[in-house]
Amino acid sequence: AQFRFLANLLLCHGRRNYNRVALVVLFSFFKNVCWIVPAFFYNVLLSAGGHR
């Protein structure tokens, strides 16, 4: 076990991994918004029809 590389591992690679995970979370929220917003407006459009 070489503990001299531990600081570089945590500070450099840990930061990159944190940024990558944050980007994946951001894109997953964006993907869900892109699926839900059109479905919501389509549902509103269909419920505003002339049938009772």
PDB file of N, CA and C in Angstrom:
ATOM      1  N   ALA A   1       0.837  -1.176   0.000  1.00  0.00           N
ATOM      2  CA  ALA A   1       0.000   0.000   0.000  1.00  0.00           C
ATOM      3  C   ALA A   1       0.886   1.245   0.000  1.00  0.00           C
ATOM      4  N   GLN A   2       0.701   2.078  -0.989  1.00  0.00           N
ATOM      5  CA  GLN A   2       1.497   3.304  -1.103  1.00  0.00           C
ATOM      6  C   GLN A   2       0.592   4.497  -0.820  1.00  0.00           C
ATOM      7  N   PHE A   3       0.730   5.018   0.383  1.00  0.00           N
ATOM      8  CA  PHE A   3      -0.133   6.108   0.805  1.00  0.00           C
ATOM      9  C   PHE A   3       0.323   7.460   0.270  1.00  0.00           C
ATOM     10  N   ARG A   4       1.465   7.495  -0.396  1.00  0.00           N
ATOM     11  CA  ARG A   4       1.920   8.784  -0.922  1.00  0.00           C
ATOM     12  C   ARG A   4       1.092   9.230  -2.128  1.00  0.00           C
ATOM     13  N   PHE A   5       0.412   8.306  -2.776  1.00  0.00           N
ATOM     14  CA  PHE A   5      -0.435   8.647  -3.919  1.00  0.00           C
ATOM     15  C   PHE A   5      -1.875   8.922  -3.511  1.00  0.00           C
ATOM     16  N   LEU A   6      -2.166   8.801  -2.242  1.00  0.00           N
ATOM     17  CA  LEU A   6      -3.548   8.924  -1.778  1.00  0.00           C
ATOM     18  C   LEU A   6      -4.096  10.338  -1.945  1.00  0.00           C
ATOM     19  N   ALA A   7      -3.281  11.356  -1.681  1.00  0.00           N
ATOM     20  CA  ALA A   7      -3.753  12.745  -1.814  1.00  0.00           C
ATOM     21  C   ALA A   7      -4.090  13.058  -3.264  1.00  0.00           C
ATOM     22  N   ASN A   8      -3.231  12.646  -4.201  1.00  0.00           N
ATOM     23  CA  ASN A   8      -3.504  12.881  -5.623  1.00  0.00           C
ATOM     24  C   ASN A   8      -4.747  12.125  -6.066  1.00  0.00           C
ATOM     25  N   LEU A   9      -4.894  10.921  -5.566  1.00  0.00           N
ATOM     26  CA  LEU A   9      -6.058  10.117  -5.929  1.00  0.00           C
ATOM     27  C   LEU A   9      -7.347  10.776  -5.465  1.00  0.00           C
ATOM     28  N   LEU A  10      -7.360  11.257  -4.244  1.00  0.00           N
ATOM     29  CA  LEU A  10      -8.584  11.853  -3.707  1.00  0.00           C
ATOM     30  C   LEU A  10      -8.859  13.236  -4.272  1.00  0.00           C
ATOM     31  N   LEU A  11      -7.824  14.055  -4.379  1.00  0.00           N
ATOM     32  CA  LEU A  11      -8.042  15.446  -4.781  1.00  0.00           C
ATOM     33  C   LEU A  11      -8.258  15.590  -6.282  1.00  0.00           C
ATOM     34  N   CYS A  12      -7.487  14.902  -7.074  1.00  0.00           N
ATOM     35  CA  CYS A  12      -7.584  15.063  -8.530  1.00  0.00           C
ATOM     36  C   CYS A  12      -8.687  14.178  -9.110  1.00  0.00           C
ATOM     37  N   HIS A  13      -8.578  12.875  -8.878  1.00  0.00           N
ATOM     38  CA  HIS A  13      -9.542  11.951  -9.471  1.00  0.00           C
ATOM     39  C   HIS A  13     -10.894  12.029  -8.769  1.00  0.00           C
ATOM     40  N   GLY A  14     -10.894  12.333  -7.497  1.00  0.00           N
ATOM     41  CA  GLY A  14     -12.163  12.489  -6.787  1.00  0.00           C
ATOM     42  C   GLY A  14     -12.958  13.673  -7.300  1.00  0.00           C
ATOM     43  N   ARG A  15     -12.255  14.756  -7.619  1.00  0.00           N
ATOM     44  CA  ARG A  15     -12.934  15.938  -8.158  1.00  0.00           C
ATOM     45  C   ARG A  15     -13.499  15.652  -9.543  1.00  0.00           C
ATOM     46  N   ARG A  16     -12.711  14.964 -10.371  1.00  0.00           N
ATOM     47  CA  ARG A  16     -13.209  14.627 -11.711  1.00  0.00           C
ATOM     48  C   ARG A  16     -14.413  13.701 -11.634  1.00  0.00           C
ATOM     49  N   ASN A  17     -14.357  12.726 -10.739  1.00  0.00           N
ATOM     50  CA  ASN A  17     -15.472  11.806 -10.587  1.00  0.00           C
ATOM     51  C   ASN A  17     -16.713  12.533 -10.079  1.00  0.00           C
ATOM     52  N   TYR A  18     -16.544  13.475  -9.150  1.00  0.00           N
ATOM     53  CA  TYR A  18     -17.661  14.265  -8.641  1.00  0.00           C
ATOM     54  C   TYR A  18     -18.298  15.072  -9.770  1.00  0.00           C
ATOM     55  N   ASN A  19     -17.476  15.685 -10.622  1.00  0.00           N
ATOM     56  CA  ASN A  19     -18.007  16.469 -11.736  1.00  0.00           C
ATOM     57  C   ASN A  19     -18.741  15.588 -12.733  1.00  0.00           C
ATOM     58  N   ARG A  20     -18.217  14.404 -12.993  1.00  0.00           N
ATOM     59  CA  ARG A  20     -18.886  13.486 -13.925  1.00  0.00           C
ATOM     60  C   ARG A  20     -20.227  13.024 -13.387  1.00  0.00           C
ATOM     61  N   VAL A  21     -20.276  12.698 -12.107  1.00  0.00           N
ATOM     62  CA  VAL A  21     -21.534  12.257 -11.499  1.00  0.00           C
ATOM     63  C   VAL A  21     -22.549  13.398 -11.502  1.00  0.00           C
ATOM     64  N   ALA A  22     -22.095  14.615 -11.211  1.00  0.00           N
ATOM     65  CA  ALA A  22     -22.996  15.768 -11.235  1.00  0.00           C
ATOM     66  C   ALA A  22     -23.547  16.003 -12.634  1.00  0.00           C
ATOM     67  N   LEU A  23     -22.727  15.795 -13.657  1.00  0.00           N
ATOM     68  CA  LEU A  23     -23.184  15.965 -15.038  1.00  0.00           C
ATOM     69  C   LEU A  23     -24.212  14.899 -15.418  1.00  0.00           C
ATOM     70  N   VAL A  24     -24.006  13.677 -14.974  1.00  0.00           N
ATOM     71  CA  VAL A  24     -24.972  12.610 -15.245  1.00  0.00           C
ATOM     72  C   VAL A  24     -26.303  12.908 -14.566  1.00  0.00           C
ATOM     73  N   VAL A  25     -26.264  13.395 -13.340  1.00  0.00           N
ATOM     74  CA  VAL A  25     -27.500  13.751 -12.631  1.00  0.00           C
ATOM     75  C   VAL A  25     -28.215  14.887 -13.348  1.00  0.00           C
ATOM     76  N   LEU A  26     -27.462  15.887 -13.795  1.00  0.00           N
ATOM     77  CA  LEU A  26     -28.051  17.009 -14.523  1.00  0.00           C
ATOM     78  C   LEU A  26     -28.712  16.545 -15.813  1.00  0.00           C
ATOM     79  N   PHE A  27     -28.034  15.692 -16.578  1.00  0.00           N
ATOM     80  CA  PHE A  27     -28.614  15.200 -17.821  1.00  0.00           C
ATOM     81  C   PHE A  27     -29.817  14.299 -17.573  1.00  0.00           C
ATOM     82  N   SER A  28     -29.821  13.549 -16.480  1.00  0.00           N
ATOM     83  CA  SER A  28     -30.981  12.708 -16.204  1.00  0.00           C
ATOM     84  C   SER A  28     -32.200  13.565 -15.848  1.00  0.00           C
ATOM     85  N   PHE A  29     -31.991  14.659 -15.090  1.00  0.00           N
ATOM     86  CA  PHE A  29     -33.102  15.580 -14.839  1.00  0.00           C
ATOM     87  C   PHE A  29     -33.588  16.219 -16.134  1.00  0.00           C
ATOM     88  N   PHE A  30     -32.665  16.626 -16.996  1.00  0.00           N
ATOM     89  CA  PHE A  30     -33.037  17.241 -18.269  1.00  0.00           C
ATOM     90  C   PHE A  30     -33.800  16.259 -19.146  1.00  0.00           C
ATOM     91  N   LYS A  31     -33.361  14.995 -19.167  1.00  0.00           N
ATOM     92  CA  LYS A  31     -34.045  13.971 -19.950  1.00  0.00           C
ATOM     93  C   LYS A  31     -35.465  13.766 -19.441  1.00  0.00           C
ATOM     94  N   ASN A  32     -35.632  13.725 -18.130  1.00  0.00           N
ATOM     95  CA  ASN A  32     -36.965  13.532 -17.568  1.00  0.00           C
ATOM     96  C   ASN A  32     -37.868  14.718 -17.870  1.00  0.00           C
ATOM     97  N   VAL A  33     -37.327  15.925 -17.826  1.00  0.00           N
ATOM     98  CA  VAL A  33     -38.117  17.108 -18.180  1.00  0.00           C
ATOM     99  C   VAL A  33     -38.523  17.048 -19.644  1.00  0.00           C
ATOM    100  N   CYS A  34     -37.612  16.616 -20.503  1.00  0.00           N
ATOM    101  CA  CYS A  34     -37.923  16.522 -21.935  1.00  0.00           C
ATOM    102  C   CYS A  34     -38.986  15.477 -22.224  1.00  0.00           C
ATOM    103  N   TRP A  35     -39.138  14.473 -21.366  1.00  0.00           N
ATOM    104  CA  TRP A  35     -40.192  13.489 -21.554  1.00  0.00           C
ATOM    105  C   TRP A  35     -41.512  13.929 -20.919  1.00  0.00           C
ATOM    106  N   ILE A  36     -41.469  14.598 -19.786  1.00  0.00           N
ATOM    107  CA  ILE A  36     -42.684  14.902 -19.037  1.00  0.00           C
ATOM    108  C   ILE A  36     -43.427  16.111 -19.597  1.00  0.00           C
ATOM    109  N   VAL A  37     -42.711  17.154 -20.001  1.00  0.00           N
ATOM    110  CA  VAL A  37     -43.366  18.385 -20.465  1.00  0.00           C
ATOM    111  C   VAL A  37     -44.225  18.140 -21.707  1.00  0.00           C
ATOM    112  N   PRO A  38     -43.734  17.465 -22.755  1.00  0.00           N
ATOM    113  CA  PRO A  38     -44.635  17.198 -23.889  1.00  0.00           C
ATOM    114  C   PRO A  38     -45.803  16.289 -23.511  1.00  0.00           C
ATOM    115  N   ALA A  39     -45.579  15.313 -22.643  1.00  0.00           N
ATOM    116  CA  ALA A  39     -46.676  14.443 -22.219  1.00  0.00           C
ATOM    117  C   ALA A  39     -47.727  15.236 -21.447  1.00  0.00           C
ATOM    118  N   PHE A  40     -47.291  16.175 -20.623  1.00  0.00           N
ATOM    119  CA  PHE A  40     -48.231  17.009 -19.873  1.00  0.00           C
ATOM    120  C   PHE A  40     -49.079  17.853 -20.819  1.00  0.00           C
ATOM    121  N   PHE A  41     -48.444  18.518 -21.779  1.00  0.00           N
ATOM    122  CA  PHE A  41     -49.208  19.362 -22.699  1.00  0.00           C
ATOM    123  C   PHE A  41     -50.096  18.545 -23.626  1.00  0.00           C
ATOM    124  N   TYR A  42     -49.667  17.344 -23.987  1.00  0.00           N
ATOM    125  CA  TYR A  42     -50.507  16.466 -24.796  1.00  0.00           C
ATOM    126  C   TYR A  42     -51.743  16.050 -24.003  1.00  0.00           C
ATOM    127  N   ASN A  43     -51.561  15.785 -22.730  1.00  0.00           N
ATOM    128  CA  ASN A  43     -52.682  15.426 -21.878  1.00  0.00           C
ATOM    129  C   ASN A  43     -53.643  16.603 -21.721  1.00  0.00           C
ATOM    130  N   VAL A  44     -53.111  17.806 -21.564  1.00  0.00           N
ATOM    131  CA  VAL A  44     -53.959  18.997 -21.468  1.00  0.00           C
ATOM    132  C   VAL A  44     -54.726  19.198 -22.766  1.00  0.00           C
ATOM    133  N   LEU A  45     -54.064  18.985 -23.886  1.00  0.00           N
ATOM    134  CA  LEU A  45     -54.705  19.147 -25.192  1.00  0.00           C
ATOM    135  C   LEU A  45     -55.833  18.139 -25.380  1.00  0.00           C
ATOM    136  N   LEU A  46     -55.618  16.897 -24.967  1.00  0.00           N
ATOM    137  CA  LEU A  46     -56.658  15.888 -25.120  1.00  0.00           C
ATOM    138  C   LEU A  46     -57.813  16.106 -24.153  1.00  0.00           C
ATOM    139  N   SER A  47     -57.531  16.615 -22.963  1.00  0.00           N
ATOM    140  CA  SER A  47     -58.614  16.816 -22.003  1.00  0.00           C
ATOM    141  C   SER A  47     -59.453  18.043 -22.347  1.00  0.00           C
ATOM    142  N   ALA A  48     -58.978  18.895 -23.242  1.00  0.00           N
ATOM    143  CA  ALA A  48     -59.734  20.078 -23.634  1.00  0.00           C
ATOM    144  C   ALA A  48     -60.599  19.803 -24.863  1.00  0.00           C
ATOM    145  N   GLY A  49     -60.833  18.536 -25.153  1.00  0.00           N
ATOM    146  CA  GLY A  49     -61.638  18.181 -26.313  1.00  0.00           C
ATOM    147  C   GLY A  49     -63.118  18.462 -26.095  1.00  0.00           C
ATOM    148  N   GLY A  50     -63.928  18.176 -27.100  1.00  0.00           N
ATOM    149  CA  GLY A  50     -65.345  18.475 -27.042  1.00  0.00           C
ATOM    150  C   GLY A  50     -66.193  17.397 -26.405  1.00  0.00           C
ATOM    151  N   HIS A  51     -65.651  16.243 -26.077  1.00  0.00           N
ATOM    152  CA  HIS A  51     -66.444  15.153 -25.503  1.00  0.00           C
ATOM    153  C   HIS A  51     -66.581  15.327 -24.003  1.00  0.00           C
ATOM    154  N   ARG A  52     -67.754  14.840 -23.494  1.00  0.00           N
ATOM    155  CA  ARG A  52     -67.989  14.898 -22.050  1.00  0.00           C
ATOM    156  C   ARG A  52     -68.000  13.527 -21.469  1.00  0.00           C
TER     157      ARG A  52
END
